[in-house]
Structures are given as structure tokens and as C-alpha cells.
Protein backbone atom coordinates (compact mmCIF):
# COMPACT_ATOMS: atom_id res chain seq x y z
CA MET A 1 -55.80 -158.22 127.54
CA ASN A 2 -57.25 -155.62 125.22
CA LEU A 3 -57.80 -152.53 127.33
CA THR A 4 -59.40 -150.60 124.46
CA ARG A 5 -62.75 -152.15 125.28
CA ARG A 6 -62.31 -151.47 128.98
CA PHE A 7 -60.76 -148.03 129.07
CA GLY A 8 -61.73 -146.58 125.69
CA SER A 9 -65.11 -145.05 124.94
CA GLY A 10 -65.05 -145.08 121.15
CA ARG A 11 -64.08 -147.20 118.22
CA GLY A 12 -60.52 -146.91 116.98
CA ARG A 13 -59.19 -145.39 120.18
CA LEU A 14 -55.86 -146.56 121.47
CA SER A 15 -55.67 -148.57 124.64
CA LEU A 16 -54.60 -146.93 127.87
CA ARG A 17 -51.26 -148.71 127.68
CA SER A 18 -50.62 -147.39 124.15
CA ARG A 19 -51.70 -143.86 125.07
CA LEU A 20 -49.41 -143.78 128.09
CA LEU A 21 -46.50 -145.09 126.03
CA ALA A 22 -47.19 -142.62 123.22
CA GLY A 23 -47.39 -139.77 125.72
CA LEU A 24 -44.12 -140.82 127.37
CA ILE A 25 -42.30 -141.04 124.04
CA THR A 26 -43.79 -137.73 122.87
CA VAL A 27 -42.75 -135.88 126.02
CA THR A 28 -39.26 -137.37 125.87
CA ALA A 29 -38.92 -136.54 122.16
CA LEU A 30 -40.01 -132.93 122.79
CA PHE A 31 -37.50 -132.68 125.62
CA LEU A 32 -34.72 -134.00 123.39
CA ILE A 33 -35.69 -131.63 120.57
CA ILE A 34 -35.72 -128.61 122.88
CA MET A 35 -32.40 -129.60 124.40
CA GLY A 36 -30.95 -130.20 120.94
CA VAL A 37 -32.11 -126.81 119.65
CA VAL A 38 -30.76 -124.99 122.71
CA THR A 39 -27.47 -126.86 122.51
CA THR A 40 -27.13 -126.19 118.77
CA VAL A 41 -27.81 -122.48 119.16
CA VAL A 42 -25.42 -122.10 122.09
CA LEU A 43 -22.69 -124.16 120.43
CA GLY A 44 -23.20 -122.36 117.12
CA ASN A 45 -22.78 -118.96 118.73
CA SER A 46 -19.78 -120.16 120.69
CA GLU A 47 -18.18 -121.60 117.56
CA GLN A 48 -18.91 -118.44 115.59
CA ASN A 49 -17.27 -116.33 118.28
CA GLN A 50 -14.28 -118.67 118.35
CA PHE A 51 -14.08 -118.53 114.56
CA ASN A 52 -14.08 -114.73 114.58
CA SER A 53 -11.52 -114.60 117.39
CA ASP A 54 -9.15 -116.98 115.59
CA LEU A 55 -9.45 -115.04 112.34
CA SER A 56 -8.83 -111.75 114.14
CA LEU A 57 -5.72 -113.16 115.78
CA THR A 58 -4.24 -114.12 112.41
CA ALA A 59 -4.04 -110.42 111.58
CA ARG A 60 -1.65 -109.92 114.52
CA ILE A 61 0.78 -112.80 114.06
CA LYS A 62 4.03 -112.76 112.17
CA LEU A 63 4.21 -113.36 108.44
CA THR A 64 6.15 -116.53 108.96
CA GLU A 65 3.35 -117.89 111.14
CA VAL A 66 0.69 -116.74 108.66
CA ALA A 67 2.29 -118.80 105.95
CA ASP A 68 2.06 -121.91 108.15
CA LEU A 69 -1.64 -121.56 108.97
CA THR A 70 -3.79 -124.69 108.62
CA GLY A 71 -7.51 -125.30 108.85
CA GLY A 72 -8.61 -123.93 105.47
CA TYR A 73 -7.03 -120.49 105.71
CA ALA A 74 -6.30 -118.63 102.46
CA VAL A 75 -3.60 -115.90 102.51
CA VAL A 76 -3.03 -113.52 99.60
CA TYR A 77 -1.07 -110.24 99.41
CA ILE A 78 -0.94 -107.23 97.08
CA ASN A 79 2.31 -105.38 96.72
CA LEU A 80 1.24 -101.77 96.18
CA PRO A 81 4.39 -100.48 94.39
CA THR A 82 4.47 -103.31 91.89
CA ARG A 83 0.72 -104.25 91.99
CA LYS A 84 1.87 -107.82 92.24
CA VAL A 85 -0.49 -110.43 93.70
CA GLY A 86 1.06 -113.29 95.65
CA VAL A 87 -0.18 -116.35 97.55
CA LEU A 88 1.15 -117.52 100.91
CA SER A 89 -1.23 -120.46 101.47
CA PRO A 90 -1.70 -123.81 99.74
CA SER A 91 -3.88 -123.91 96.68
CA SER A 92 -7.60 -124.16 97.50
CA ALA A 93 -10.99 -122.85 96.46
CA ALA A 94 -10.71 -120.09 99.04
CA THR A 95 -7.29 -119.06 97.67
CA ALA A 96 -8.65 -119.00 94.13
CA GLU A 97 -11.58 -116.86 95.27
CA LEU A 98 -9.24 -114.32 96.90
CA GLN A 99 -7.10 -114.16 93.77
CA ALA A 100 -10.18 -113.61 91.63
CA LEU A 101 -11.42 -110.86 93.96
CA ILE A 102 -8.12 -108.99 93.97
CA GLY A 103 -7.79 -109.41 90.24
CA ASP A 104 -11.20 -107.79 89.72
CA LEU A 105 -10.36 -104.96 92.11
CA LEU A 106 -7.07 -104.23 90.35
CA ALA A 107 -8.73 -104.43 86.95
CA ASN A 108 -11.46 -101.90 87.72
CA GLY A 109 -9.39 -99.73 90.05
CA GLY A 110 -11.47 -100.34 93.15
CA ALA A 111 -8.75 -101.78 95.36
CA ARG A 112 -8.02 -98.49 97.16
CA ARG A 113 -11.68 -97.92 97.98
CA TYR A 114 -12.34 -101.57 98.85
CA PHE A 115 -9.49 -101.62 101.39
CA GLY A 116 -10.15 -98.10 102.67
CA ARG A 117 -12.33 -96.60 105.35
CA GLU A 118 -15.28 -96.39 103.00
CA GLY A 119 -15.02 -100.11 102.23
CA HIS A 120 -13.58 -102.47 104.80
CA PRO A 121 -11.36 -100.93 107.49
CA GLN A 122 -8.13 -102.61 108.48
CA ARG A 123 -8.32 -105.48 111.01
CA THR A 124 -12.13 -105.68 110.63
CA LEU A 125 -13.93 -108.87 109.66
CA PHE A 126 -16.02 -108.80 106.49
CA GLY A 127 -17.64 -111.31 104.20
CA ILE A 128 -16.67 -112.27 100.64
CA SER A 129 -19.03 -114.06 98.31
CA LEU A 130 -18.33 -114.46 94.61
CA PRO A 131 -20.47 -116.49 92.20
CA GLY A 132 -19.20 -120.04 91.92
CA TYR A 133 -17.13 -119.86 95.10
CA PRO A 134 -17.85 -120.69 98.74
CA PRO A 135 -18.63 -117.80 101.14
CA LEU A 136 -15.58 -116.50 103.01
CA THR A 137 -14.94 -114.42 106.09
CA ALA A 138 -11.86 -112.23 105.65
CA ILE A 139 -9.67 -109.67 107.37
CA TRP A 140 -6.77 -107.60 106.09
CA ARG A 141 -3.87 -105.61 107.47
CA GLN A 142 -1.14 -103.44 106.05
CA ILE A 143 2.47 -104.65 105.89
CA LEU A 144 4.93 -101.85 106.26
CA PRO A 145 8.28 -101.81 104.40
CA ASN A 146 10.24 -102.55 107.58
CA GLU A 147 8.30 -105.73 108.16
CA ALA A 148 8.55 -106.67 104.52
CA GLN A 149 12.29 -106.13 104.62
CA HIS A 150 12.62 -108.80 107.33
CA ASN A 151 10.54 -111.26 105.28
CA GLU A 152 11.94 -110.79 101.81
CA ASN A 153 11.61 -114.50 101.11
CA LEU A 154 7.78 -114.21 101.54
CA ILE A 155 6.72 -110.85 100.04
CA PRO A 156 8.43 -108.19 97.90
CA PRO A 157 9.85 -105.03 99.48
CA GLY A 158 7.55 -102.09 100.01
CA THR A 159 4.10 -101.64 101.40
CA SER A 160 1.70 -104.50 100.89
CA ILE A 161 -1.83 -105.53 101.86
CA LEU A 162 -2.16 -108.93 103.47
CA LEU A 163 -5.62 -110.51 102.98
CA ILE A 164 -6.49 -113.53 105.13
CA ALA A 165 -9.75 -115.45 104.67
CA ARG A 166 -11.40 -118.66 105.80
CA PRO A 167 -14.53 -120.46 104.53
CA SER A 168 -17.61 -119.57 106.57
CA SER A 169 -18.70 -123.20 106.36
CA ALA A 170 -16.00 -124.10 108.88
CA VAL A 171 -18.21 -122.63 111.59
CA GLY A 172 -20.98 -125.25 111.21
CA SER A 173 -18.79 -128.33 111.06
CA ALA A 174 -18.81 -128.92 114.82
CA VAL A 175 -22.50 -128.04 115.04
CA ARG A 176 -23.38 -130.49 112.28
CA GLY A 177 -21.42 -133.20 114.04
CA LEU A 178 -23.24 -132.44 117.30
CA VAL A 179 -26.64 -132.53 115.58
CA ALA A 180 -25.83 -135.89 113.97
CA ALA A 181 -24.70 -137.30 117.33
CA GLU A 182 -27.84 -136.00 119.02
CA LEU A 183 -30.08 -137.54 116.35
CA ILE A 184 -28.43 -140.94 116.67
CA THR A 185 -28.41 -140.81 120.46
CA GLY A 186 -32.03 -139.62 120.57
CA ALA A 187 -33.19 -142.39 118.24
CA ILE A 188 -31.47 -145.04 120.37
CA LEU A 189 -32.88 -143.51 123.55
CA LEU A 190 -36.43 -143.43 122.16
CA ALA A 191 -36.15 -147.05 121.01
CA LEU A 192 -34.98 -148.13 124.47
CA LEU A 193 -37.71 -146.02 126.05
CA ALA A 194 -40.37 -147.66 123.85
CA VAL A 195 -39.27 -151.16 124.91
CA GLY A 196 -38.62 -150.41 128.58
CA GLY A 197 -41.59 -148.05 128.91
CA ARG A 198 -44.00 -150.64 127.53
CA TRP A 199 -42.74 -153.18 130.06
CA LEU A 200 -42.98 -150.73 132.95
CA ILE A 201 -46.46 -149.54 131.92
CA SER A 202 -47.68 -153.12 131.49
CA ARG A 203 -46.36 -153.97 134.94
CA GLY A 204 -48.00 -150.88 136.42
CA LEU A 205 -51.34 -151.63 134.74
CA ALA A 206 -51.33 -155.32 135.70
CA PRO A 207 -53.54 -154.65 138.79
CA LEU A 208 -56.05 -152.90 136.53
CA ASP A 209 -56.05 -155.93 134.22
CA ARG A 210 -56.82 -158.19 137.17
CA MET A 211 -59.56 -155.81 138.33
CA ALA A 212 -61.06 -155.83 134.83
CA SER A 213 -61.06 -159.65 134.84
CA THR A 214 -62.77 -159.69 138.21
CA ALA A 215 -65.35 -157.16 137.00
CA ASP A 216 -66.01 -159.37 133.95
CA MET A 217 -66.53 -162.37 136.22
CA ILE A 218 -68.95 -160.43 138.41
CA THR A 219 -70.85 -159.20 135.34
CA SER A 220 -71.01 -162.52 133.51
CA ARG A 221 -71.60 -164.85 136.47
CA GLY A 222 -73.36 -162.50 138.86
CA ASP A 223 -70.97 -163.54 141.62
CA LEU A 224 -71.23 -160.71 144.14
CA THR A 225 -68.85 -162.49 146.52
CA ALA A 226 -65.90 -161.88 144.19
CA ARG A 227 -63.57 -159.08 145.24
CA MET A 228 -60.85 -157.08 143.56
CA PRO A 229 -57.38 -158.55 144.19
CA ASP A 230 -55.09 -156.63 146.48
CA PRO A 231 -52.22 -155.10 144.44
CA GLY A 232 -50.03 -155.22 147.53
CA ASP A 233 -49.32 -151.50 147.84
CA HIS A 234 -50.99 -148.31 149.02
CA ALA A 235 -50.71 -146.45 145.73
CA GLU A 236 -53.50 -145.51 143.34
CA ALA A 237 -54.27 -149.11 142.35
CA GLY A 238 -54.56 -150.14 146.00
CA ARG A 239 -56.93 -147.29 146.80
CA LEU A 240 -58.99 -148.09 143.70
CA ALA A 241 -59.24 -151.77 144.67
CA GLY A 242 -60.27 -150.83 148.20
CA ALA A 243 -62.94 -148.42 146.94
CA ILE A 244 -64.37 -150.98 144.51
CA ASN A 245 -64.39 -153.70 147.19
CA THR A 246 -66.24 -151.34 149.54
CA MET A 247 -68.76 -150.64 146.80
CA LEU A 248 -69.19 -154.37 146.13
CA ASP A 249 -69.72 -154.98 149.87
CA ARG A 250 -72.48 -152.40 149.92
CA ILE A 251 -74.05 -153.82 146.76
CA GLN A 252 -73.96 -157.32 148.24
CA GLN A 253 -75.50 -156.04 151.46
CA ALA A 254 -78.18 -154.25 149.46
CA PHE A 255 -79.02 -157.42 147.52
CA ARG A 256 -79.04 -159.44 150.75
CA ALA A 257 -81.33 -156.89 152.36
CA ARG A 258 -83.57 -157.02 149.30
CA TRP A 259 -83.68 -160.81 149.47
CA ASP A 260 -84.46 -160.72 153.19
CA SER A 261 -87.16 -158.14 152.52
CA GLU A 262 -88.72 -160.31 149.84
CA GLN A 263 -88.64 -163.28 152.17
CA LYS A 264 -90.30 -161.22 154.88
CA VAL A 265 -92.94 -160.10 152.39
CA ARG A 266 -93.65 -163.70 151.42
CA GLN A 267 -93.79 -164.77 155.05
CA PHE A 268 -95.98 -161.81 155.88
CA ALA A 269 -98.36 -162.68 153.02
CA ALA A 270 -98.57 -166.26 154.25
CA ASP A 271 -99.20 -165.16 157.84
CA ALA A 272 -101.77 -162.60 156.73
CA SER A 273 -103.58 -165.20 154.63
CA HIS A 274 -103.61 -167.57 157.59
CA GLU A 275 -104.86 -164.89 159.96
CA LEU A 276 -107.62 -163.88 157.55
CA ARG A 277 -108.61 -167.46 156.83
CA THR A 278 -109.28 -168.19 160.53
CA PRO A 279 -112.16 -165.71 161.05
CA LEU A 280 -113.58 -166.49 157.63
CA THR A 281 -113.64 -170.19 158.49
CA THR A 282 -115.42 -169.46 161.77
CA ILE A 283 -118.02 -167.20 160.15
CA ARG A 284 -118.63 -169.71 157.38
CA GLY A 285 -119.07 -172.52 159.97
CA TYR A 286 -121.67 -170.59 161.97
CA ALA A 287 -123.45 -169.58 158.76
CA GLU A 288 -123.60 -173.21 157.66
CA LEU A 289 -125.02 -174.26 161.04
CA TYR A 290 -127.61 -171.50 160.85
CA ARG A 291 -128.57 -172.47 157.28
CA GLN A 292 -129.04 -176.10 158.32
CA GLY A 293 -131.04 -175.09 161.39
CA ALA A 294 -128.56 -176.74 163.75
CA LEU A 295 -128.44 -173.72 166.04
CA GLY A 296 -131.11 -173.73 168.69
CA GLU A 297 -132.59 -170.71 170.37
CA ASP A 298 -130.10 -171.04 173.21
CA ARG A 299 -126.99 -171.20 170.96
CA LEU A 300 -128.01 -168.52 168.47
CA PRO A 301 -126.98 -165.49 170.58
CA ASN A 302 -123.56 -167.03 171.25
CA ALA A 303 -123.12 -167.83 167.54
CA MET A 304 -124.02 -164.24 166.59
CA ARG A 305 -121.56 -162.98 169.19
CA ARG A 306 -118.79 -165.13 167.74
CA ILE A 307 -119.64 -164.05 164.19
CA GLU A 308 -119.47 -160.41 165.27
CA GLN A 309 -116.18 -160.96 167.11
CA GLU A 310 -114.61 -162.69 164.12
CA ALA A 311 -115.85 -159.96 161.80
CA ASP A 312 -114.36 -157.33 164.09
CA ARG A 313 -111.13 -159.28 164.22
CA MET A 314 -110.99 -159.56 160.44
CA SER A 315 -111.68 -155.81 160.13
CA SER A 316 -108.84 -155.15 162.56
CA LEU A 317 -106.50 -157.36 160.53
CA VAL A 318 -107.47 -155.62 157.29
CA ALA A 319 -106.93 -152.22 158.91
CA GLU A 320 -103.49 -153.29 160.11
CA LEU A 321 -102.65 -154.57 156.63
CA LEU A 322 -103.67 -151.24 155.12
CA GLU A 323 -101.58 -149.41 157.69
CA LEU A 324 -98.57 -151.57 156.89
CA ALA A 325 -99.04 -150.99 153.17
CA ARG A 326 -99.34 -147.24 153.71
CA LEU A 327 -96.47 -146.76 156.12
CA ASP A 328 -94.27 -149.58 154.77
CA ARG A 329 -93.20 -150.67 158.22
CA ASP A 330 -93.27 -153.80 160.34
CA SER A 331 -96.38 -154.85 162.17
CA SER A 332 -96.74 -153.24 165.58
CA LEU A 333 -99.35 -155.39 167.28
CA ASP A 334 -99.83 -154.47 170.90
CA LEU A 335 -99.18 -157.06 173.57
CA THR A 336 -102.16 -157.37 175.89
CA GLU A 337 -103.26 -159.59 178.75
CA THR A 338 -105.38 -162.45 177.45
CA ASP A 339 -107.35 -165.09 179.34
CA LEU A 340 -106.42 -168.30 177.57
CA SER A 341 -109.19 -170.25 179.25
CA ALA A 342 -111.86 -168.03 177.67
CA LEU A 343 -109.96 -168.08 174.40
CA VAL A 344 -109.84 -171.89 174.39
CA ALA A 345 -113.55 -172.10 175.15
CA ASP A 346 -114.32 -169.83 172.19
CA ALA A 347 -111.98 -171.86 169.98
CA VAL A 348 -113.76 -175.10 170.91
CA GLU A 349 -117.11 -173.56 170.04
CA ASP A 350 -115.73 -172.33 166.72
CA ALA A 351 -114.29 -175.76 165.92
CA ARG A 352 -117.63 -177.43 166.66
CA ALA A 353 -119.35 -174.89 164.42
CA VAL A 354 -116.96 -175.59 161.57
CA GLU A 355 -117.13 -179.41 161.87
CA PRO A 356 -120.04 -180.50 164.07
CA ASN A 357 -119.26 -184.21 163.63
CA ARG A 358 -115.72 -183.97 165.01
CA PRO A 359 -115.21 -184.63 168.69
CA VAL A 360 -113.68 -181.54 170.29
CA LYS A 361 -113.26 -181.05 174.01
CA ALA A 362 -111.09 -178.83 176.20
CA SER A 363 -109.77 -179.01 179.71
CA THR A 364 -108.52 -175.66 181.02
CA PRO A 365 -108.11 -173.94 184.36
CA ARG A 366 -110.69 -171.42 185.38
CA SER A 367 -108.35 -168.55 184.55
CA LEU A 368 -105.08 -168.52 182.63
CA VAL A 369 -103.91 -164.96 181.83
CA VAL A 370 -100.89 -164.42 179.54
CA VAL A 371 -99.41 -161.57 177.54
CA CYS A 372 -99.61 -162.49 173.84
CA GLU A 373 -100.49 -161.31 170.35
CA SER A 374 -102.80 -163.70 168.49
CA LEU A 375 -103.14 -167.35 169.47
CA LEU A 376 -106.51 -168.04 167.90
CA ALA A 377 -104.92 -169.07 164.60
CA ILE A 378 -102.88 -171.67 166.46
CA LEU A 379 -105.94 -173.12 168.12
CA ILE A 380 -108.14 -173.18 165.02
CA GLN A 381 -105.70 -174.49 162.37
CA PRO A 382 -107.32 -176.68 159.72
CA LEU A 383 -107.04 -180.31 160.81
CA LYS A 384 -107.65 -183.52 158.95
CA GLU A 385 -111.15 -184.82 159.13
CA THR A 386 -112.10 -187.54 161.65
CA VAL A 387 -109.15 -186.62 163.84
CA PRO A 388 -110.26 -186.09 167.45
CA VAL A 389 -108.95 -182.88 168.97
CA CYS A 390 -108.13 -182.44 172.64
CA VAL A 391 -106.96 -179.03 173.80
CA GLY A 392 -105.22 -178.67 177.14
CA PRO A 393 -102.50 -176.46 178.60
CA LEU A 394 -99.02 -177.88 179.03
CA ILE A 395 -97.81 -174.82 180.93
CA GLU A 396 -98.34 -173.80 184.50
CA PRO A 397 -101.10 -171.21 184.91
CA PHE A 398 -100.11 -167.61 185.50
CA THR A 399 -101.89 -165.08 187.61
CA ALA A 400 -102.25 -161.49 186.49
CA SER A 401 -99.44 -160.36 188.78
CA GLU A 402 -97.11 -163.09 187.42
CA VAL A 403 -97.57 -162.23 183.77
CA GLY A 404 -94.23 -161.82 182.03
CA SER A 405 -93.79 -161.60 178.31
CA LEU A 406 -94.97 -165.03 177.18
CA ARG A 407 -94.74 -165.06 173.41
CA SER A 408 -95.41 -168.76 172.55
CA GLY A 409 -96.66 -172.04 174.11
CA ARG A 410 -96.79 -175.76 173.39
CA TRP A 411 -100.20 -177.27 172.81
CA ARG A 412 -101.50 -180.73 172.09
């Protein structure tokens, strides 16, 4: 799965997996470079010290051992009485350089100063660099006649100067080998890290891939019941999945509450319409009777009373609706004691006013008091024409002292 779209915020950005892998390789490469530099410097200094120590020791060994030196050493002597220059080491570029140096010193008369206190003191390391020759590190010591007498097969009798040198490039040979080994080892290590690190990072990011797929499903299908899969641990991915699932639960609950609220609003609108339609129907029925002259002098006061009651009731309903709209809360109708017998009698009169030709009669006790909200809408529901209506209680009558909290009844 391409995580660039999911975890990147701009075009051309690397995916999270690639950035983690690049960061891991970069940190490892920097660590290897720092370790390589430190190791090279330490080894170089150690090798330089060893080189200087070995060269200094050659000035203290016997002539016979000097002649057997290996490792690129060049040994040349100058016999002061005869000014003869001799070689005690195999032929090499370093030997040729020493011979050229001594030849120049003898030619211009600078040998005494060069090998004196003003030049290079005895048994002190110094550098030699002639054009066309490799740089050398050298040391010299004086051979007394007694020592020369015991080594007549190596140098002539008399005082001589023994010059020993070694190419300075011998110091970096071990360091160069170490650097080459480190480069090869580092390249192999980085290659293995790239392969293994990508596998490990992909395995670690697999829960995020599954979460991204689930988020896509929720976005595309609108399925709020989908949940993030459990990665099976308590690490960062597990905490992230738990947090997202908690958020989805709250979102689902919010949508469910919104749906329930919309359903309540629809139901409330339907109930309000029904409650408002009842008094309007009653008023319209009495007005129609009055217009047709069907109300006699004896029924007119009762009709006016019912019209006024229904108008008051409709005003009360409108006021309650305005209060609900203003306070945005549920209806809080008060439960009061109501005489159902009187209520039924009024309902029968209203039904006769609405449809004078329909037979409507009621049989009720003298007094039937209950605790209720509004039952008039139940008694005055629109009925099909020509259907006789008979209203009668199917519940036992209650006295005022026996009133409980009756909220509904069955009527026929």
C-alpha cells in the first residue's frame, strides 16, 4: 500500500516506510563513518609511534644486525677518513636517495654541518625529501674506530657515520588496509541493513496499513460500525487503535443521537399537528353550525363556551411550542386531575358539531377522575363518515383519593 498518500502532506514526498529506512541507514552510515575516522586516527598515531620507535631502535643495534634489517630499511655509511660512501642494505629507491643525499653533501661540503648540532643531532629522527624520490624518515649515529675494527668486513676502519632511513609511506600501509576493510564491511552492513530494515519496518507498519484500509472503508462506505483491528500488543499501534476506536464509538453515538433527535422532531411535529388540528376542527364545526343556523338559542352559549375553550387550548399549545423552540427542551406538560366523564360529554358535543348527521352517543359514570395529559385528541380523532361512534369506558372508575398515575386507556 502506498503510504505517501496517507502519511505524506505534499507531492513528491517519500512514504513513511522509505523515510524511516533512509533515516536508519543514514544514522548507521554516520556511526560507521565516525567510528572509522576515530579508528583511523588512533591507529595512524599508534603506527606512527611504532614506526618512530622501531627506527630509533635501529640506531642502537649492532652493525651486523643493521645489515640484516628488512621492511624497506636503507642503510648507508660515510667513512670520514677516506670520505668513502658505502651501502649496507639491498638496492632500493630509499638507498639510492640516501646515496644521492650524501653525494650532494660531500660535493658541497655540507656534510659536517648537516650531521652536526646545527643540522640533525645524533640519534634524532629527521625527514629527507629529494625531488624524484619518496619521502624518508632517517636517523644517524657515529661509529667509533673500536666498533669498526670489530666489523671490518662491513665498514672500513676509522670513524664513520651510519645513516639509516625508511620510507615514510610505510606508516600508512596498515591504516590504508584498515580503511579498505572498513569500507567493504560498511557497504555490506548497509546493504544488509537496507534489506532487513525494510522488512522490519514493513512488519512494524503493518497495523498502520490495516488501520488505513479500515479508515478508507469508513470514508468510502460510511460504515460507522467498522473498527480498527487490534494489533495484538500494547505498544504505540495498540494505543492508537484503541484511541481511534474510542473516537469512532463517540462518533457513532453522536450520529445515533442525531438520528434519534430527528425522529423525535418528526414525531413531535406530527403530534403537534394532531393536537392543533383537534381544536381547529371543533371551532370550524361550531362555526359551520352557526353559519347554517343549526344552533338554537339554548345551544348557542354552550357552543360559544366550547369555541372559547378550544381557542384557549390552541393558544396554550402554541405557547408550549414556542417555549420548546426557545428552550430546546422536551415538553413538560403538567399532570393534572381530569374528570373523564365531563371530558367525554364535551367530546360528544364537539363530534356532533363537526358532523351533525353522524350518530354519536356516550355512556359514562357520573364522575371518573384520572391523572392525565391530553386525551381530547384521542376522543376526537377524524373518523370515516357514516361510521357510528359509541364512547364508553373500559376501565373501572377511580375516585379522587384512588388516582394514581394513569397515563393511557383503552377506548371503543
